[in-house]
Amino acid sequence: MEPRFNLFANELGTKIGKRIAGVSLAIQESPLPKGLVELVELRASQINGCGFCVDAHAKEAAAAGETAVRINLVAAWRESTVFTEAERAALALAEEGTRLADAHQGVSDETWDQVRKHYDDETVALVSLVAMINAANRLGVILHQKGGSYEAGAFADMAS
């Protein structure tokens, strides 16, 4: 399977890509810990089957100081002991916000209550993070972007 299209190969694609990167930059500048951001993005990307994004966010999580154990266990976070209660709330939000079509009511009240218990102003960043990674996953999957060649830090200058 070869990539179908280079999003940045034309002016419109570049403009759209920069807008997406700009929103992502605002999220990165929020008080959410960088490691948590990457783990949430990794979990949504795993669910959506986006190889490029799984590759990118696993590597960015490692660059942010996340351990191999935590990166590897994010796919089975419910069955592990390495995540805090706050991280578990964020990962539950990521899963329920990603599986909207499967979760009938979307994000459950229980998950929302847990998110609000642990996050104040960061809630908007967390919700936006889930929305944006799902948009990026859809681009990656539709365009057949492959994982494996991403190098940590490559997203840093996309928004400029």
N, C-alpha and C. Protein backbone atom coordinates (compact mmCIF):
# COMPACT_ATOMS: atom_id res chain seq x y z
N MET A 1 0.85 -1.17 0.00
CA MET A 1 0.00 0.00 0.00
C MET A 1 0.90 1.24 0.00
N GLU A 2 0.82 2.01 -1.03
CA GLU A 2 1.59 3.24 -1.15
C GLU A 2 0.74 4.42 -0.71
N PRO A 3 1.39 5.47 -0.18
CA PRO A 3 0.63 6.68 0.16
C PRO A 3 -0.12 7.18 -1.08
N ARG A 4 -1.33 7.62 -0.88
CA ARG A 4 -2.17 8.06 -1.99
C ARG A 4 -1.89 9.48 -2.44
N PHE A 5 -1.48 10.31 -1.48
CA PHE A 5 -1.42 11.74 -1.78
C PHE A 5 -0.54 12.41 -0.74
N ASN A 6 0.24 13.38 -1.16
CA ASN A 6 1.05 14.16 -0.25
C ASN A 6 0.26 15.42 0.10
N LEU A 7 -0.21 15.50 1.32
CA LEU A 7 -1.02 16.64 1.77
C LEU A 7 -0.30 17.96 1.54
N PHE A 8 1.02 17.96 1.64
CA PHE A 8 1.80 19.20 1.54
C PHE A 8 2.34 19.46 0.14
N ALA A 9 1.84 18.74 -0.86
CA ALA A 9 2.35 18.88 -2.22
C ALA A 9 1.75 20.07 -2.97
N ASN A 10 0.75 20.71 -2.38
CA ASN A 10 0.18 21.88 -3.06
C ASN A 10 -0.17 22.96 -2.03
N GLU A 11 -0.49 24.12 -2.52
CA GLU A 11 -0.72 25.28 -1.65
C GLU A 11 -1.89 25.07 -0.70
N LEU A 12 -3.00 24.53 -1.18
CA LEU A 12 -4.16 24.32 -0.32
C LEU A 12 -3.85 23.29 0.77
N GLY A 13 -3.22 22.18 0.40
CA GLY A 13 -2.87 21.17 1.38
C GLY A 13 -1.93 21.71 2.44
N THR A 14 -0.98 22.52 2.03
CA THR A 14 -0.05 23.13 2.97
C THR A 14 -0.79 24.08 3.91
N LYS A 15 -1.71 24.85 3.38
CA LYS A 15 -2.49 25.78 4.20
C LYS A 15 -3.32 25.03 5.24
N ILE A 16 -3.98 23.97 4.82
CA ILE A 16 -4.78 23.16 5.74
C ILE A 16 -3.88 22.50 6.78
N GLY A 17 -2.77 21.93 6.34
CA GLY A 17 -1.84 21.29 7.26
C GLY A 17 -1.31 22.25 8.31
N LYS A 18 -1.02 23.47 7.91
CA LYS A 18 -0.53 24.47 8.87
C LYS A 18 -1.61 24.88 9.86
N ARG A 19 -2.86 24.94 9.42
CA ARG A 19 -3.95 25.27 10.34
C ARG A 19 -4.12 24.17 11.39
N ILE A 20 -4.07 22.93 10.93
CA ILE A 20 -4.16 21.80 11.86
C ILE A 20 -2.98 21.84 12.83
N ALA A 21 -1.80 22.09 12.32
CA ALA A 21 -0.61 22.17 13.17
C ALA A 21 -0.73 23.33 14.15
N GLY A 22 -1.36 24.42 13.75
CA GLY A 22 -1.54 25.57 14.64
C GLY A 22 -2.43 25.24 15.83
N VAL A 23 -3.51 24.52 15.59
CA VAL A 23 -4.38 24.08 16.69
C VAL A 23 -3.61 23.13 17.60
N SER A 24 -2.87 22.22 16.99
CA SER A 24 -2.08 21.28 17.78
C SER A 24 -1.03 22.00 18.61
N LEU A 25 -0.46 23.06 18.08
CA LEU A 25 0.52 23.85 18.83
C LEU A 25 -0.13 24.49 20.06
N ALA A 26 -1.34 25.01 19.90
CA ALA A 26 -2.05 25.59 21.05
C ALA A 26 -2.28 24.54 22.13
N ILE A 27 -2.59 23.33 21.73
CA ILE A 27 -2.78 22.23 22.69
C ILE A 27 -1.45 21.91 23.37
N GLN A 28 -0.38 21.86 22.58
CA GLN A 28 0.95 21.57 23.14
C GLN A 28 1.37 22.63 24.16
N GLU A 29 0.91 23.86 23.98
CA GLU A 29 1.25 24.95 24.90
C GLU A 29 0.34 24.99 26.13
N SER A 30 -0.62 24.10 26.21
CA SER A 30 -1.52 24.04 27.36
C SER A 30 -0.78 23.44 28.55
N PRO A 31 -1.40 23.48 29.73
CA PRO A 31 -0.76 22.89 30.91
C PRO A 31 -0.73 21.35 30.93
N LEU A 32 -1.31 20.70 29.93
CA LEU A 32 -1.27 19.24 29.91
C LEU A 32 0.17 18.77 29.79
N PRO A 33 0.58 17.78 30.57
CA PRO A 33 1.94 17.25 30.46
C PRO A 33 2.18 16.66 29.07
N LYS A 34 3.35 16.94 28.51
CA LYS A 34 3.70 16.48 27.16
C LYS A 34 3.57 14.96 27.03
N GLY A 35 4.01 14.23 28.03
CA GLY A 35 3.89 12.77 27.97
C GLY A 35 2.45 12.31 27.88
N LEU A 36 1.58 12.95 28.65
CA LEU A 36 0.16 12.60 28.61
C LEU A 36 -0.43 12.89 27.23
N VAL A 37 -0.09 14.03 26.68
CA VAL A 37 -0.56 14.39 25.34
C VAL A 37 -0.20 13.28 24.35
N GLU A 38 1.04 12.84 24.40
CA GLU A 38 1.49 11.82 23.46
C GLU A 38 0.82 10.47 23.70
N LEU A 39 0.60 10.11 24.95
CA LEU A 39 -0.07 8.84 25.25
C LEU A 39 -1.52 8.85 24.79
N VAL A 40 -2.21 9.97 24.98
CA VAL A 40 -3.59 10.10 24.51
C VAL A 40 -3.63 10.00 22.98
N GLU A 41 -2.71 10.70 22.32
CA GLU A 41 -2.66 10.64 20.86
C GLU A 41 -2.30 9.23 20.38
N LEU A 42 -1.41 8.59 21.09
CA LEU A 42 -1.04 7.22 20.75
C LEU A 42 -2.23 6.29 20.86
N ARG A 43 -3.00 6.40 21.95
CA ARG A 43 -4.14 5.50 22.14
C ARG A 43 -5.20 5.69 21.07
N ALA A 44 -5.54 6.92 20.76
CA ALA A 44 -6.53 7.17 19.70
C ALA A 44 -6.02 6.64 18.36
N SER A 45 -4.74 6.85 18.09
CA SER A 45 -4.15 6.39 16.83
C SER A 45 -4.15 4.87 16.72
N GLN A 46 -3.94 4.18 17.84
CA GLN A 46 -4.02 2.72 17.84
C GLN A 46 -5.43 2.27 17.49
N ILE A 47 -6.41 2.89 18.10
CA ILE A 47 -7.81 2.52 17.84
C ILE A 47 -8.16 2.74 16.38
N ASN A 48 -7.69 3.85 15.82
CA ASN A 48 -8.02 4.21 14.45
C ASN A 48 -7.16 3.52 13.41
N GLY A 49 -6.12 2.81 13.84
CA GLY A 49 -5.27 2.09 12.90
C GLY A 49 -4.42 2.98 12.02
N CYS A 50 -3.99 4.12 12.54
CA CYS A 50 -3.15 5.03 11.77
C CYS A 50 -1.68 4.73 12.06
N GLY A 51 -1.04 4.00 11.18
CA GLY A 51 0.35 3.60 11.37
C GLY A 51 1.29 4.77 11.51
N PHE A 52 1.12 5.81 10.70
CA PHE A 52 1.99 6.97 10.79
C PHE A 52 1.88 7.62 12.16
N CYS A 53 0.64 7.80 12.64
CA CYS A 53 0.43 8.47 13.92
C CYS A 53 0.87 7.61 15.10
N VAL A 54 0.67 6.29 15.03
CA VAL A 54 1.16 5.41 16.09
C VAL A 54 2.68 5.53 16.17
N ASP A 55 3.34 5.49 15.04
CA ASP A 55 4.79 5.63 14.98
C ASP A 55 5.21 6.98 15.58
N ALA A 56 4.59 8.05 15.11
CA ALA A 56 4.97 9.40 15.54
C ALA A 56 4.76 9.59 17.04
N HIS A 57 3.62 9.20 17.56
CA HIS A 57 3.32 9.49 18.95
C HIS A 57 4.03 8.54 19.92
N ALA A 58 4.35 7.34 19.50
CA ALA A 58 5.19 6.47 20.33
C ALA A 58 6.59 7.08 20.45
N LYS A 59 7.12 7.58 19.35
CA LYS A 59 8.46 8.18 19.38
C LYS A 59 8.46 9.51 20.12
N GLU A 60 7.42 10.31 19.95
CA GLU A 60 7.33 11.58 20.67
C GLU A 60 7.15 11.33 22.17
N ALA A 61 6.41 10.30 22.53
CA ALA A 61 6.24 9.96 23.95
C ALA A 61 7.59 9.59 24.56
N ALA A 62 8.37 8.79 23.85
CA ALA A 62 9.69 8.41 24.33
C ALA A 62 10.58 9.65 24.47
N ALA A 63 10.52 10.54 23.48
CA ALA A 63 11.31 11.77 23.53
C ALA A 63 10.88 12.67 24.69
N ALA A 64 9.61 12.56 25.10
CA ALA A 64 9.09 13.35 26.22
C ALA A 64 9.42 12.70 27.57
N GLY A 65 10.10 11.56 27.54
CA GLY A 65 10.51 10.91 28.78
C GLY A 65 9.64 9.75 29.22
N GLU A 66 8.64 9.39 28.42
CA GLU A 66 7.82 8.23 28.78
C GLU A 66 8.65 6.96 28.64
N THR A 67 8.43 6.02 29.54
CA THR A 67 9.18 4.77 29.51
C THR A 67 8.58 3.81 28.47
N ALA A 68 9.41 2.87 28.06
CA ALA A 68 8.94 1.84 27.12
C ALA A 68 7.76 1.07 27.70
N VAL A 69 7.79 0.82 28.99
CA VAL A 69 6.70 0.08 29.64
C VAL A 69 5.39 0.83 29.48
N ARG A 70 5.38 2.12 29.78
CA ARG A 70 4.15 2.91 29.68
C ARG A 70 3.69 3.04 28.22
N ILE A 71 4.61 3.24 27.32
CA ILE A 71 4.26 3.35 25.90
C ILE A 71 3.65 2.04 25.42
N ASN A 72 4.26 0.93 25.79
CA ASN A 72 3.76 -0.38 25.35
C ASN A 72 2.43 -0.74 26.01
N LEU A 73 2.22 -0.30 27.23
CA LEU A 73 0.99 -0.67 27.94
C LEU A 73 -0.18 0.27 27.67
N VAL A 74 0.03 1.34 26.93
CA VAL A 74 -1.09 2.26 26.68
C VAL A 74 -2.24 1.54 25.95
N ALA A 75 -1.91 0.55 25.14
CA ALA A 75 -2.96 -0.20 24.44
C ALA A 75 -3.80 -1.03 25.40
N ALA A 76 -3.26 -1.33 26.56
CA ALA A 76 -3.96 -2.14 27.56
C ALA A 76 -3.96 -1.42 28.91
N TRP A 77 -4.20 -0.13 28.88
CA TRP A 77 -4.08 0.68 30.10
C TRP A 77 -5.01 0.23 31.21
N ARG A 78 -6.17 -0.27 30.86
CA ARG A 78 -7.11 -0.73 31.90
C ARG A 78 -6.56 -1.94 32.66
N GLU A 79 -5.71 -2.69 32.00
CA GLU A 79 -5.15 -3.92 32.57
C GLU A 79 -3.72 -3.71 33.05
N SER A 80 -3.38 -2.49 33.42
CA SER A 80 -2.01 -2.22 33.87
C SER A 80 -2.03 -1.34 35.13
N THR A 81 -0.88 -1.24 35.75
CA THR A 81 -0.77 -0.49 37.00
C THR A 81 0.11 0.75 36.87
N VAL A 82 0.51 1.10 35.67
CA VAL A 82 1.51 2.15 35.49
C VAL A 82 0.94 3.53 35.20
N PHE A 83 -0.39 3.67 35.22
CA PHE A 83 -1.02 4.95 34.93
C PHE A 83 -1.75 5.48 36.16
N THR A 84 -1.66 6.79 36.36
CA THR A 84 -2.35 7.42 37.48
C THR A 84 -3.85 7.48 37.20
N GLU A 85 -4.60 7.82 38.22
CA GLU A 85 -6.04 7.98 38.07
C GLU A 85 -6.36 9.08 37.05
N ALA A 86 -5.62 10.17 37.08
CA ALA A 86 -5.83 11.27 36.13
C ALA A 86 -5.51 10.81 34.70
N GLU A 87 -4.43 10.07 34.53
CA GLU A 87 -4.08 9.56 33.20
C GLU A 87 -5.12 8.58 32.70
N ARG A 88 -5.64 7.78 33.60
CA ARG A 88 -6.68 6.81 33.22
C ARG A 88 -7.94 7.54 32.76
N ALA A 89 -8.28 8.64 33.42
CA ALA A 89 -9.44 9.44 32.99
C ALA A 89 -9.20 10.00 31.59
N ALA A 90 -8.00 10.49 31.32
CA ALA A 90 -7.68 11.03 30.00
C ALA A 90 -7.71 9.94 28.94
N LEU A 91 -7.20 8.77 29.25
CA LEU A 91 -7.21 7.67 28.29
C LEU A 91 -8.64 7.17 28.03
N ALA A 92 -9.47 7.15 29.06
CA ALA A 92 -10.88 6.78 28.87
C ALA A 92 -11.58 7.79 27.96
N LEU A 93 -11.32 9.08 28.18
CA LEU A 93 -11.89 10.11 27.31
C LEU A 93 -11.41 9.91 25.88
N ALA A 94 -10.14 9.61 25.71
CA ALA A 94 -9.61 9.38 24.36
C ALA A 94 -10.33 8.22 23.68
N GLU A 95 -10.51 7.13 24.41
CA GLU A 95 -11.18 5.97 23.82
C GLU A 95 -12.64 6.26 23.49
N GLU A 96 -13.37 6.81 24.45
CA GLU A 96 -14.79 7.06 24.22
C GLU A 96 -15.00 8.16 23.18
N GLY A 97 -14.13 9.16 23.16
CA GLY A 97 -14.23 10.22 22.16
C GLY A 97 -13.82 9.76 20.78
N THR A 98 -13.02 8.71 20.70
CA THR A 98 -12.60 8.14 19.42
C THR A 98 -13.65 7.17 18.90
N ARG A 99 -14.29 6.45 19.79
CA ARG A 99 -15.26 5.42 19.39
C ARG A 99 -16.69 5.94 19.44
N LEU A 100 -16.91 7.13 18.97
CA LEU A 100 -18.25 7.73 19.05
C LEU A 100 -19.32 6.88 18.39
N ALA A 101 -19.00 6.30 17.26
CA ALA A 101 -19.99 5.49 16.55
C ALA A 101 -20.31 4.21 17.31
N ASP A 102 -19.37 3.74 18.10
CA ASP A 102 -19.56 2.50 18.85
C ASP A 102 -20.16 2.71 20.23
N ALA A 103 -20.03 3.92 20.77
CA ALA A 103 -20.36 4.18 22.16
C ALA A 103 -21.73 4.84 22.33
N HIS A 104 -22.58 4.70 21.42
CA HIS A 104 -23.96 5.19 21.43
C HIS A 104 -24.15 6.58 22.03
N GLN A 105 -23.83 6.79 23.29
CA GLN A 105 -24.02 8.12 23.88
C GLN A 105 -22.74 8.93 23.83
N GLY A 106 -21.69 8.44 23.22
CA GLY A 106 -20.43 9.16 23.18
C GLY A 106 -19.67 8.97 24.47
N VAL A 107 -19.20 10.07 25.05
CA VAL A 107 -18.44 10.01 26.29
C VAL A 107 -19.43 9.85 27.44
N SER A 108 -19.21 8.83 28.26
CA SER A 108 -20.12 8.55 29.37
C SER A 108 -20.02 9.62 30.45
N ASP A 109 -21.07 9.73 31.24
CA ASP A 109 -21.07 10.67 32.37
C ASP A 109 -19.99 10.28 33.38
N GLU A 110 -19.78 8.99 33.57
CA GLU A 110 -18.75 8.53 34.50
C GLU A 110 -17.36 8.99 34.06
N THR A 111 -17.06 8.81 32.77
CA THR A 111 -15.77 9.26 32.27
C THR A 111 -15.65 10.77 32.38
N TRP A 112 -16.70 11.49 32.01
CA TRP A 112 -16.67 12.95 32.08
C TRP A 112 -16.44 13.42 33.53
N ASP A 113 -17.10 12.78 34.46
CA ASP A 113 -16.91 13.14 35.87
C ASP A 113 -15.46 12.91 36.31
N GLN A 114 -14.86 11.82 35.86
CA GLN A 114 -13.46 11.54 36.19
C GLN A 114 -12.52 12.59 35.56
N VAL A 115 -12.80 12.95 34.33
CA VAL A 115 -12.00 13.99 33.67
C VAL A 115 -12.10 15.29 34.46
N ARG A 116 -13.30 15.68 34.82
CA ARG A 116 -13.50 16.95 35.54
C ARG A 116 -12.93 16.91 36.95
N LYS A 117 -12.84 15.72 37.52
CA LYS A 117 -12.24 15.57 38.84
C LYS A 117 -10.74 15.90 38.81
N HIS A 118 -10.10 15.60 37.68
CA HIS A 118 -8.65 15.73 37.59
C HIS A 118 -8.17 16.92 36.76
N TYR A 119 -9.04 17.48 35.95
CA TYR A 119 -8.61 18.55 35.05
C TYR A 119 -9.56 19.73 35.16
N ASP A 120 -9.01 20.94 35.24
CA ASP A 120 -9.82 22.16 35.28
C ASP A 120 -9.78 22.81 33.91
N ASP A 121 -9.01 23.87 33.79
CA ASP A 121 -8.91 24.58 32.52
C ASP A 121 -8.32 23.70 31.42
N GLU A 122 -7.56 22.67 31.82
CA GLU A 122 -6.96 21.78 30.83
C GLU A 122 -8.00 20.94 30.10
N THR A 123 -9.23 20.90 30.60
CA THR A 123 -10.27 20.07 29.97
C THR A 123 -10.46 20.45 28.51
N VAL A 124 -10.48 21.73 28.22
CA VAL A 124 -10.66 22.17 26.82
C VAL A 124 -9.50 21.67 25.96
N ALA A 125 -8.30 21.67 26.51
CA ALA A 125 -7.15 21.17 25.75
C ALA A 125 -7.28 19.66 25.54
N LEU A 126 -7.73 18.95 26.55
CA LEU A 126 -7.87 17.50 26.46
C LEU A 126 -8.94 17.11 25.44
N VAL A 127 -10.08 17.78 25.49
CA VAL A 127 -11.15 17.50 24.53
C VAL A 127 -10.69 17.85 23.12
N SER A 128 -10.02 18.99 22.97
CA SER A 128 -9.52 19.40 21.65
C SER A 128 -8.45 18.43 21.15
N LEU A 129 -7.63 17.94 22.05
CA LEU A 129 -6.61 16.96 21.70
C LEU A 129 -7.23 15.71 21.09
N VAL A 130 -8.27 15.21 21.73
CA VAL A 130 -8.95 14.01 21.22
C VAL A 130 -9.56 14.30 19.85
N ALA A 131 -10.19 15.46 19.68
CA ALA A 131 -10.78 15.81 18.40
C ALA A 131 -9.71 15.93 17.30
N MET A 132 -8.61 16.59 17.62
CA MET A 132 -7.57 16.83 16.61
C MET A 132 -6.82 15.56 16.22
N ILE A 133 -6.54 14.68 17.17
CA ILE A 133 -5.83 13.46 16.80
C ILE A 133 -6.75 12.58 15.96
N ASN A 134 -8.03 12.61 16.22
CA ASN A 134 -8.95 11.84 15.38
C ASN A 134 -8.99 12.40 13.96
N ALA A 135 -8.94 13.71 13.82
CA ALA A 135 -8.88 14.32 12.48
C ALA A 135 -7.58 13.91 11.77
N ALA A 136 -6.46 13.99 12.49
CA ALA A 136 -5.17 13.61 11.91
C ALA A 136 -5.15 12.13 11.53
N ASN A 137 -5.74 11.28 12.38
CA ASN A 137 -5.81 9.85 12.07
C ASN A 137 -6.60 9.61 10.79
N ARG A 138 -7.68 10.32 10.64
CA ARG A 138 -8.49 10.13 9.44
C ARG A 138 -7.71 10.53 8.19
N LEU A 139 -6.99 11.64 8.26
CA LEU A 139 -6.14 12.02 7.13
C LEU A 139 -5.11 10.93 6.85
N GLY A 140 -4.45 10.46 7.89
CA GLY A 140 -3.42 9.44 7.70
C GLY A 140 -3.94 8.15 7.12
N VAL A 141 -5.09 7.71 7.61
CA VAL A 141 -5.67 6.44 7.12
C VAL A 141 -6.19 6.60 5.70
N ILE A 142 -6.92 7.67 5.44
CA ILE A 142 -7.47 7.89 4.09
C ILE A 142 -6.35 8.01 3.06
N LEU A 143 -5.25 8.69 3.43
CA LEU A 143 -4.14 8.91 2.50
C LEU A 143 -3.10 7.79 2.51
N HIS A 144 -3.33 6.75 3.34
CA HIS A 144 -2.41 5.60 3.45
C HIS A 144 -1.01 6.02 3.87
N GLN A 145 -0.92 6.87 4.87
CA GLN A 145 0.39 7.28 5.39
C GLN A 145 0.95 6.16 6.25
N LYS A 146 2.14 5.71 5.95
CA LYS A 146 2.73 4.56 6.64
C LYS A 146 3.57 4.99 7.83
N GLY A 147 3.63 4.11 8.81
CA GLY A 147 4.48 4.32 9.97
C GLY A 147 5.86 3.72 9.75
N GLY A 148 6.81 4.21 10.54
CA GLY A 148 8.14 3.63 10.53
C GLY A 148 9.26 4.62 10.29
N SER A 149 9.00 5.70 9.58
CA SER A 149 10.09 6.61 9.24
C SER A 149 10.06 7.92 10.02
N TYR A 150 9.08 8.10 10.89
CA TYR A 150 8.98 9.35 11.64
C TYR A 150 10.16 9.50 12.59
N GLU A 151 10.66 10.73 12.70
CA GLU A 151 11.72 11.05 13.67
C GLU A 151 11.19 12.05 14.67
N ALA A 152 11.39 11.76 15.95
CA ALA A 152 10.90 12.63 17.02
C ALA A 152 11.35 14.07 16.77
N GLY A 153 10.41 14.99 16.97
CA GLY A 153 10.69 16.41 16.79
C GLY A 153 10.28 16.96 15.45
N ALA A 154 9.89 16.10 14.52
CA ALA A 154 9.56 16.56 13.16
C ALA A 154 8.33 17.47 13.13
N PHE A 155 7.42 17.34 14.10
CA PHE A 155 6.23 18.20 14.12
C PHE A 155 6.52 19.61 14.62
N ALA A 156 7.65 19.78 15.27
CA ALA A 156 7.93 21.03 16.00
C ALA A 156 7.83 22.28 15.15
N ASP A 157 8.24 22.24 13.89
CA ASP A 157 8.21 23.47 13.09
C ASP A 157 7.11 23.51 12.05
N MET A 158 6.17 22.56 12.10
CA MET A 158 5.09 22.52 11.11
C MET A 158 4.18 23.72 11.16
N ALA A 159 3.93 24.28 12.32
CA ALA A 159 2.97 25.37 12.46
C ALA A 159 3.50 26.69 11.95
N SER A 160 4.81 26.79 11.74
CA SER A 160 5.36 28.07 11.28
C SER A 160 5.32 28.20 9.79
